[in-house]
Amino acid sequence: MYIHLGNNNIISSDNVIAILNIEPPICKDLTEFIEIAKMEKDILNVSEKGKEKALIICTDKVYLSPISSTTLLRRAENFFKEV
């Protein structure tokens, strides 16, 4: 099963480790995690700058999505209910 992250970007549900809310306020640890991912070039922002709502951590990459973490979680749960 696949999860649509926004702006025509789709990932496999099998690779998802975590879906986190990054709407303000964001904790310091999560901000540092995003900065490290940016420095290592392991992050892909699929939203317009400043419109990020969710952080999706996968086995191979980290994504910033304009879709809320609640909506993405619901999409991912649909996959796990079918398994």
N, C-alpha and C. Protein backbone atom coordinates (compact mmCIF):
# COMPACT_ATOMS: atom_id res chain seq x y z
N MET A 1 0.85 -1.17 0.00
CA MET A 1 0.00 0.00 0.00
C MET A 1 0.90 1.24 0.00
N TYR A 2 0.37 2.32 -0.51
CA TYR A 2 1.12 3.54 -0.63
C TYR A 2 0.41 4.69 0.09
N ILE A 3 1.20 5.69 0.50
CA ILE A 3 0.66 6.87 1.16
C ILE A 3 1.00 8.09 0.33
N HIS A 4 -0.02 8.89 0.01
CA HIS A 4 0.20 10.12 -0.74
C HIS A 4 0.61 11.22 0.24
N LEU A 5 1.77 11.83 0.02
CA LEU A 5 2.31 12.85 0.91
C LEU A 5 1.97 14.27 0.48
N GLY A 6 1.44 14.42 -0.70
CA GLY A 6 1.13 15.75 -1.24
C GLY A 6 2.02 16.06 -2.42
N ASN A 7 1.54 16.95 -3.28
CA ASN A 7 2.29 17.38 -4.47
C ASN A 7 2.81 16.22 -5.31
N ASN A 8 1.96 15.24 -5.54
CA ASN A 8 2.26 14.08 -6.39
C ASN A 8 3.42 13.22 -5.88
N ASN A 9 3.63 13.17 -4.58
CA ASN A 9 4.67 12.33 -3.98
C ASN A 9 4.01 11.21 -3.20
N ILE A 10 4.43 9.99 -3.49
CA ILE A 10 3.86 8.80 -2.88
C ILE A 10 4.98 7.94 -2.34
N ILE A 11 4.77 7.36 -1.14
CA ILE A 11 5.77 6.46 -0.55
C ILE A 11 5.09 5.14 -0.18
N SER A 12 5.89 4.12 -0.03
CA SER A 12 5.39 2.82 0.39
C SER A 12 5.15 2.82 1.90
N SER A 13 4.02 2.30 2.33
CA SER A 13 3.70 2.21 3.76
C SER A 13 4.67 1.31 4.50
N ASP A 14 5.26 0.37 3.79
CA ASP A 14 6.20 -0.57 4.41
C ASP A 14 7.43 0.14 4.98
N ASN A 15 7.80 1.28 4.41
CA ASN A 15 9.01 1.99 4.81
C ASN A 15 8.81 2.99 5.93
N VAL A 16 7.57 3.26 6.32
CA VAL A 16 7.27 4.30 7.30
C VAL A 16 7.65 3.83 8.72
N ILE A 17 8.44 4.66 9.39
CA ILE A 17 8.82 4.41 10.78
C ILE A 17 7.97 5.27 11.71
N ALA A 18 7.81 6.56 11.36
CA ALA A 18 7.04 7.47 12.20
C ALA A 18 6.44 8.60 11.38
N ILE A 19 5.29 9.07 11.84
CA ILE A 19 4.64 10.25 11.27
C ILE A 19 4.45 11.22 12.43
N LEU A 20 5.10 12.39 12.34
CA LEU A 20 5.12 13.33 13.45
C LEU A 20 4.54 14.69 13.06
N ASN A 21 3.86 15.32 13.99
CA ASN A 21 3.32 16.65 13.78
C ASN A 21 4.43 17.69 13.95
N ILE A 22 4.57 18.59 12.99
CA ILE A 22 5.60 19.64 13.12
C ILE A 22 4.99 21.03 13.01
N GLU A 23 3.70 21.15 13.29
CA GLU A 23 3.09 22.47 13.34
C GLU A 23 3.52 23.12 14.65
N PRO A 24 3.78 24.43 14.62
CA PRO A 24 4.29 25.11 15.82
C PRO A 24 3.37 24.92 17.02
N PRO A 25 3.94 24.82 18.21
CA PRO A 25 5.36 24.87 18.54
C PRO A 25 6.04 23.51 18.33
N ILE A 26 7.27 23.52 17.86
CA ILE A 26 8.05 22.30 17.62
C ILE A 26 9.11 22.20 18.71
N CYS A 27 9.26 21.00 19.27
CA CYS A 27 10.26 20.83 20.32
C CYS A 27 11.67 20.96 19.74
N LYS A 28 12.61 21.32 20.59
CA LYS A 28 13.99 21.56 20.18
C LYS A 28 14.62 20.32 19.57
N ASP A 29 14.35 19.15 20.15
CA ASP A 29 14.93 17.91 19.63
C ASP A 29 14.47 17.62 18.20
N LEU A 30 13.22 17.86 17.92
CA LEU A 30 12.69 17.62 16.58
C LEU A 30 13.28 18.62 15.58
N THR A 31 13.44 19.85 16.00
CA THR A 31 14.08 20.87 15.15
C THR A 31 15.51 20.46 14.81
N GLU A 32 16.24 19.96 15.81
CA GLU A 32 17.61 19.50 15.58
C GLU A 32 17.64 18.30 14.64
N PHE A 33 16.69 17.39 14.79
CA PHE A 33 16.61 16.22 13.91
C PHE A 33 16.43 16.66 12.46
N ILE A 34 15.55 17.63 12.23
CA ILE A 34 15.30 18.13 10.87
C ILE A 34 16.56 18.80 10.32
N GLU A 35 17.25 19.58 11.13
CA GLU A 35 18.47 20.25 10.68
C GLU A 35 19.57 19.23 10.32
N ILE A 36 19.71 18.19 11.12
CA ILE A 36 20.70 17.15 10.82
C ILE A 36 20.35 16.44 9.51
N ALA A 37 19.07 16.14 9.32
CA ALA A 37 18.63 15.49 8.07
C ALA A 37 18.92 16.39 6.88
N LYS A 38 18.74 17.70 7.04
CA LYS A 38 19.04 18.64 5.95
C LYS A 38 20.53 18.65 5.64
N MET A 39 21.37 18.64 6.68
CA MET A 39 22.82 18.64 6.47
C MET A 39 23.29 17.36 5.77
N GLU A 40 22.66 16.24 6.10
CA GLU A 40 23.03 14.96 5.50
C GLU A 40 22.32 14.71 4.18
N LYS A 41 21.48 15.66 3.78
CA LYS A 41 20.73 15.58 2.52
C LYS A 41 19.85 14.33 2.47
N ASP A 42 19.28 13.98 3.62
CA ASP A 42 18.37 12.84 3.70
C ASP A 42 16.92 13.27 3.82
N ILE A 43 16.65 14.55 3.55
CA ILE A 43 15.29 15.07 3.73
C ILE A 43 14.76 15.57 2.39
N LEU A 44 13.48 15.34 2.17
CA LEU A 44 12.82 15.81 0.95
C LEU A 44 11.59 16.59 1.36
N ASN A 45 11.57 17.87 1.04
CA ASN A 45 10.43 18.73 1.35
C ASN A 45 9.48 18.69 0.16
N VAL A 46 8.31 18.08 0.35
CA VAL A 46 7.33 17.96 -0.74
C VAL A 46 6.26 19.04 -0.65
N SER A 47 6.49 20.03 0.21
CA SER A 47 5.53 21.13 0.35
C SER A 47 6.20 22.45 0.02
N GLU A 48 5.40 23.49 -0.04
CA GLU A 48 5.96 24.83 -0.24
C GLU A 48 6.63 25.25 1.06
N LYS A 49 7.66 26.05 0.96
CA LYS A 49 8.40 26.49 2.15
C LYS A 49 7.46 27.20 3.12
N GLY A 50 7.51 26.78 4.38
CA GLY A 50 6.68 27.36 5.41
C GLY A 50 5.32 26.72 5.57
N LYS A 51 4.97 25.76 4.72
CA LYS A 51 3.66 25.10 4.78
C LYS A 51 3.76 23.67 5.29
N GLU A 52 4.90 23.29 5.84
CA GLU A 52 5.10 21.94 6.32
C GLU A 52 4.24 21.69 7.56
N LYS A 53 3.57 20.53 7.58
CA LYS A 53 2.72 20.17 8.72
C LYS A 53 3.13 18.86 9.36
N ALA A 54 3.79 17.99 8.59
CA ALA A 54 4.13 16.68 9.12
C ALA A 54 5.53 16.25 8.69
N LEU A 55 6.16 15.49 9.56
CA LEU A 55 7.47 14.90 9.29
C LEU A 55 7.26 13.39 9.21
N ILE A 56 7.67 12.79 8.10
CA ILE A 56 7.52 11.36 7.91
C ILE A 56 8.92 10.76 7.87
N ILE A 57 9.21 9.90 8.83
CA ILE A 57 10.51 9.25 8.90
C ILE A 57 10.37 7.86 8.29
N CYS A 58 11.15 7.62 7.26
CA CYS A 58 11.14 6.32 6.58
C CYS A 58 12.50 5.65 6.74
N THR A 59 12.59 4.42 6.30
CA THR A 59 13.83 3.67 6.44
C THR A 59 14.97 4.27 5.62
N ASP A 60 14.65 4.96 4.55
CA ASP A 60 15.70 5.48 3.67
C ASP A 60 15.77 7.00 3.58
N LYS A 61 14.72 7.71 3.99
CA LYS A 61 14.65 9.16 3.80
C LYS A 61 13.66 9.76 4.79
N VAL A 62 13.73 11.07 4.93
CA VAL A 62 12.81 11.83 5.78
C VAL A 62 12.07 12.80 4.86
N TYR A 63 10.76 12.93 5.07
CA TYR A 63 9.93 13.79 4.23
C TYR A 63 9.23 14.85 5.06
N LEU A 64 9.08 16.05 4.49
CA LEU A 64 8.25 17.10 5.06
C LEU A 64 7.03 17.23 4.16
N SER A 65 5.84 17.14 4.77
CA SER A 65 4.61 17.12 3.99
C SER A 65 3.68 18.27 4.37
N PRO A 66 2.92 18.78 3.39
CA PRO A 66 1.94 19.82 3.68
C PRO A 66 0.63 19.24 4.23
N ILE A 67 0.53 17.93 4.28
CA ILE A 67 -0.67 17.26 4.78
C ILE A 67 -0.49 17.00 6.27
N SER A 68 -1.55 17.19 7.04
CA SER A 68 -1.45 17.05 8.49
C SER A 68 -1.07 15.62 8.89
N SER A 69 -0.41 15.52 10.03
CA SER A 69 0.02 14.21 10.53
C SER A 69 -1.19 13.31 10.81
N THR A 70 -2.30 13.90 11.23
CA THR A 70 -3.52 13.13 11.50
C THR A 70 -4.03 12.46 10.23
N THR A 71 -4.07 13.21 9.15
CA THR A 71 -4.53 12.66 7.87
C THR A 71 -3.59 11.58 7.37
N LEU A 72 -2.29 11.83 7.46
CA LEU A 72 -1.31 10.84 7.00
C LEU A 72 -1.38 9.57 7.85
N LEU A 73 -1.56 9.73 9.15
CA LEU A 73 -1.68 8.58 10.03
C LEU A 73 -2.91 7.75 9.66
N ARG A 74 -4.01 8.41 9.38
CA ARG A 74 -5.23 7.71 8.97
C ARG A 74 -4.99 6.93 7.68
N ARG A 75 -4.27 7.52 6.75
CA ARG A 75 -3.96 6.82 5.49
C ARG A 75 -3.07 5.61 5.76
N ALA A 76 -2.10 5.76 6.65
CA ALA A 76 -1.21 4.64 6.98
C ALA A 76 -1.96 3.55 7.73
N GLU A 77 -2.87 3.92 8.63
CA GLU A 77 -3.63 2.94 9.39
C GLU A 77 -4.50 2.09 8.48
N ASN A 78 -5.01 2.67 7.41
CA ASN A 78 -5.81 1.90 6.46
C ASN A 78 -4.99 0.75 5.90
N PHE A 79 -3.72 0.99 5.68
CA PHE A 79 -2.83 -0.08 5.19
C PHE A 79 -2.67 -1.17 6.24
N PHE A 80 -2.41 -0.78 7.49
CA PHE A 80 -2.14 -1.77 8.52
C PHE A 80 -3.39 -2.54 8.92
N LYS A 81 -4.58 -1.99 8.73
CA LYS A 81 -5.81 -2.72 8.99
C LYS A 81 -6.01 -3.84 7.97
N GLU A 82 -5.52 -3.63 6.75
CA GLU A 82 -5.68 -4.62 5.68
C GLU A 82 -4.72 -5.78 5.81
N VAL A 83 -3.60 -5.57 6.51
CA VAL A 83 -2.57 -6.61 6.61
C VAL A 83 -2.98 -7.68 7.57
